[in-house]
Amino acid sequence: MGIKINNLQRLLNDNINVHDFCEVKTLEELIRYSETNKSFSIRFDRNYQEHNLPFYVYDESIKDQDTYFKNIIEEMHKLDCTLLCSNGHAYDNILKFNFVIDIDEKANFILELCDQKIPLRLMYQYKTTIIKGNLFQDEYEIINKEANTYDEEDISKIINYVVVRKYKYLEGTLYQSKVGKLNDDIVIWQTD
């Protein structure tokens, strides 16, 4: 089992909302997952050097799905990985924004967000809004304020989420409605 799968399982065990996910090791398993999920992300996963591994997005409109899946499985074997398939891509149309928040030991934070209807992994291909401040102060510095759509309530919701759960780093998505295994409007992909 890879690092990313272990992380999502740990989050779920800690009662943190995640999307449906599955570890895939064979072509047959990937095809089965596609039969019940018409749109999903495919992340490569392993227990070492997990950064910068391939990432794919699948939806049923892809031509020649057999070749698409076979190529992914071949690449998976070459890289000594398994696949983490997650149905979060199916909800991109209702996301408010993807976000990454990092908090230091003095409660200073940097919150980056992007409202493009894309997987979080792709958000840095677009202009992000950056909000800097302290968790316990109401004034923030905002960079690229007009680049993305958000409101103070959204920012407060994320800050409260972090404070209550005592995380120092989060990667997540805020949605317009409740989604995920625990039916919440915030889904977390990675923590510290």
Protein backbone atom coordinates (compact mmCIF):
# COMPACT_ATOMS: atom_id res chain seq x y z
CA MET A 1 0.00 0.00 0.00
CA GLY A 2 1.37 3.41 -0.98
CA ILE A 3 1.82 6.59 1.02
CA LYS A 4 -1.20 8.36 -0.52
CA ILE A 5 -3.56 5.43 0.09
CA ASN A 6 -2.33 5.18 3.70
CA ASN A 7 -2.85 8.93 4.12
CA LEU A 8 -6.45 8.82 2.88
CA GLN A 9 -7.22 5.78 5.03
CA ARG A 10 -5.75 7.57 8.09
CA LEU A 11 -7.85 10.67 7.36
CA LEU A 12 -11.00 8.58 7.09
CA ASN A 13 -10.14 6.75 10.33
CA ASP A 14 -9.72 10.19 11.98
CA ASN A 15 -13.23 11.15 10.83
CA ILE A 16 -11.97 13.55 8.15
CA ASN A 17 -14.02 13.75 4.96
CA VAL A 18 -12.44 12.29 1.82
CA HIS A 19 -13.82 11.22 -1.55
CA ASP A 20 -14.38 7.58 -2.40
CA PHE A 21 -11.02 6.00 -3.21
CA CYS A 22 -9.59 2.65 -4.17
CA GLU A 23 -6.14 1.14 -4.61
CA VAL A 24 -5.79 -0.45 -8.06
CA LYS A 25 -3.05 -2.94 -8.98
CA THR A 26 -4.29 -4.55 -12.20
CA LEU A 27 -5.90 -3.66 -15.51
CA GLU A 28 -8.98 -5.63 -14.53
CA GLU A 29 -9.37 -3.62 -11.29
CA LEU A 30 -8.99 -0.34 -13.20
CA ILE A 31 -11.64 -1.37 -15.72
CA ARG A 32 -13.98 -2.43 -12.88
CA TYR A 33 -13.50 0.94 -11.16
CA SER A 34 -14.35 2.74 -14.43
CA GLU A 35 -17.57 0.75 -14.73
CA THR A 36 -18.91 2.22 -11.49
CA ASN A 37 -17.20 5.65 -11.69
CA LYS A 38 -17.67 7.51 -14.95
CA SER A 39 -15.20 10.26 -13.95
CA PHE A 40 -12.21 9.94 -11.62
CA SER A 41 -8.57 10.81 -10.99
CA ILE A 42 -5.71 8.33 -11.17
CA ARG A 43 -2.68 9.06 -8.98
CA PHE A 44 0.41 6.88 -8.99
CA ASP A 45 1.37 5.78 -5.48
CA ARG A 46 4.19 3.93 -3.72
CA ASN A 47 6.03 3.86 -0.38
CA TYR A 48 9.10 5.84 -1.48
CA GLN A 49 9.88 8.88 -3.64
CA GLU A 50 6.20 9.66 -3.94
CA HIS A 51 6.57 13.22 -5.25
CA ASN A 52 6.06 14.11 -8.91
CA LEU A 53 4.54 10.78 -9.86
CA PRO A 54 2.14 10.70 -12.84
CA PHE A 55 -1.44 11.86 -12.53
CA TYR A 56 -4.31 11.23 -14.93
CA VAL A 57 -7.95 12.15 -15.15
CA TYR A 58 -10.47 9.76 -16.66
CA ASP A 59 -13.98 10.34 -17.89
CA GLU A 60 -16.13 8.17 -20.10
CA SER A 61 -15.68 10.50 -23.11
CA ILE A 62 -12.06 9.32 -23.57
CA LYS A 63 -11.64 7.59 -26.91
CA ASP A 64 -10.06 4.13 -26.95
CA GLN A 65 -10.36 3.51 -23.23
CA ASP A 66 -8.68 0.11 -23.50
CA THR A 67 -5.45 1.64 -24.79
CA TYR A 68 -5.68 4.51 -22.29
CA PHE A 69 -5.93 2.07 -19.37
CA LYS A 70 -3.30 -0.35 -20.73
CA ASN A 71 -0.78 2.49 -21.10
CA ILE A 72 -1.42 3.64 -17.53
CA ILE A 73 -0.96 0.10 -16.19
CA GLU A 74 2.29 -0.34 -18.15
CA GLU A 75 3.60 2.95 -16.75
CA MET A 76 2.51 1.90 -13.26
CA HIS A 77 4.57 -1.30 -13.52
CA LYS A 78 7.63 0.53 -14.88
CA LEU A 79 7.54 2.95 -11.94
CA ASP A 80 6.90 0.23 -9.34
CA CYS A 81 3.64 1.86 -8.25
CA THR A 82 0.03 1.11 -7.56
CA LEU A 83 -2.81 3.44 -8.53
CA LEU A 84 -4.96 5.55 -6.25
CA CYS A 85 -8.29 6.06 -8.00
CA SER A 86 -10.68 8.61 -6.50
CA ASN A 87 -14.06 9.85 -7.69
CA GLY A 88 -13.41 13.48 -6.65
CA HIS A 89 -13.09 14.56 -10.30
CA ALA A 90 -16.81 13.85 -10.70
CA TYR A 91 -17.53 16.80 -8.37
CA ASP A 92 -15.26 19.40 -10.01
CA ASN A 93 -18.31 21.15 -11.45
CA ILE A 94 -19.55 22.07 -7.93
CA LEU A 95 -16.26 23.01 -6.30
CA LYS A 96 -15.89 26.52 -4.91
CA PHE A 97 -12.11 26.30 -4.79
CA ASN A 98 -9.13 24.08 -4.08
CA PHE A 99 -6.89 25.26 -1.27
CA VAL A 100 -3.59 24.67 0.45
CA ILE A 101 -2.99 26.14 3.90
CA ASP A 102 0.32 26.12 5.77
CA ILE A 103 0.61 27.33 9.37
CA ASP A 104 3.82 28.03 11.29
CA GLU A 105 4.52 27.66 15.02
CA LYS A 106 3.39 31.27 15.70
CA ALA A 107 -0.05 30.67 14.05
CA ASN A 108 0.90 32.66 10.94
CA PHE A 109 -0.66 31.12 7.87
CA ILE A 110 -0.47 31.21 4.10
CA LEU A 111 -3.66 30.11 2.34
CA GLU A 112 -3.55 29.62 -1.42
CA LEU A 113 -6.74 29.03 -3.36
CA CYS A 114 -7.86 28.49 -6.93
CA ASP A 115 -11.47 28.40 -8.15
CA GLN A 116 -10.84 26.60 -11.46
CA LYS A 117 -13.02 23.49 -11.83
CA ILE A 118 -10.02 21.16 -11.82
CA PRO A 119 -8.32 18.63 -9.53
CA LEU A 120 -6.26 20.24 -6.76
CA ARG A 121 -3.09 18.77 -8.24
CA LEU A 122 -3.51 21.08 -11.25
CA MET A 123 -4.32 24.32 -9.39
CA TYR A 124 -0.83 25.80 -9.67
CA GLN A 125 -1.18 25.88 -13.44
CA TYR A 126 -3.50 28.86 -12.82
CA LYS A 127 -3.19 32.13 -10.91
CA THR A 128 -3.85 31.52 -7.23
CA THR A 129 -5.09 33.96 -4.63
CA ILE A 130 -2.77 34.07 -1.62
CA ILE A 131 -4.05 35.10 1.79
CA LYS A 132 -1.51 35.70 4.57
CA GLY A 133 -2.30 36.37 8.20
CA ASN A 134 -2.42 35.02 11.71
CA LEU A 135 -5.10 32.57 12.85
CA PHE A 136 -5.99 34.80 15.78
CA GLN A 137 -6.17 38.15 13.99
CA ASP A 138 -8.87 39.42 11.65
CA GLU A 139 -6.69 41.33 9.19
CA TYR A 140 -5.12 39.58 6.20
CA GLU A 141 -2.80 40.44 3.37
CA ILE A 142 -4.31 39.30 0.07
CA ILE A 143 -2.30 38.82 -3.11
CA ASN A 144 -4.12 38.39 -6.45
CA LYS A 145 -7.41 39.16 -4.72
CA GLU A 146 -9.41 39.36 -7.94
CA ALA A 147 -7.94 36.21 -9.52
CA ASN A 148 -10.42 33.86 -7.81
CA THR A 149 -13.92 33.93 -6.35
CA TYR A 150 -14.27 33.46 -2.59
CA ASP A 151 -15.77 35.34 0.35
CA GLU A 152 -14.90 36.00 3.99
CA GLU A 153 -17.22 33.22 5.14
CA ASP A 154 -15.28 30.71 3.00
CA ILE A 155 -11.97 31.87 4.48
CA SER A 156 -13.34 31.75 8.03
CA LYS A 157 -14.67 28.25 7.42
CA ILE A 158 -11.24 26.98 6.36
CA ILE A 159 -9.44 28.74 9.22
CA ASN A 160 -11.93 27.35 11.78
CA TYR A 161 -11.55 23.89 10.23
CA VAL A 162 -7.78 24.05 10.72
CA VAL A 163 -7.96 25.47 14.26
CA VAL A 164 -10.47 22.88 15.49
CA ARG A 165 -8.49 19.96 14.04
CA LYS A 166 -5.07 21.37 15.00
CA TYR A 167 -3.44 20.72 11.62
CA LYS A 168 -0.42 22.70 10.43
CA TYR A 169 -0.81 21.84 6.76
CA LEU A 170 -3.86 20.91 4.69
CA GLU A 171 -4.65 20.36 1.03
CA GLY A 172 -8.37 20.34 0.36
CA THR A 173 -11.36 21.41 -1.65
CA LEU A 174 -14.37 23.48 -0.59
CA TYR A 175 -17.58 22.55 -2.42
CA GLN A 176 -20.91 24.28 -2.98
CA SER A 177 -22.71 21.34 -1.39
CA LYS A 178 -21.93 18.28 0.71
CA VAL A 179 -19.96 15.45 -0.90
CA GLY A 180 -17.56 12.68 0.08
CA LYS A 181 -17.62 9.69 2.37
CA LEU A 182 -18.69 11.75 5.41
CA ASN A 183 -21.01 14.14 3.53
CA ASP A 184 -19.35 17.52 4.17
CA ASP A 185 -18.60 20.55 2.00
CA ILE A 186 -14.85 20.27 2.70
CA VAL A 187 -12.83 17.31 1.42
CA ILE A 188 -9.22 16.85 2.50
CA TRP A 189 -6.59 15.29 0.25
CA GLN A 190 -3.42 15.62 2.37
CA THR A 191 -2.38 16.74 5.84
CA ASP A 192 0.89 17.30 7.71
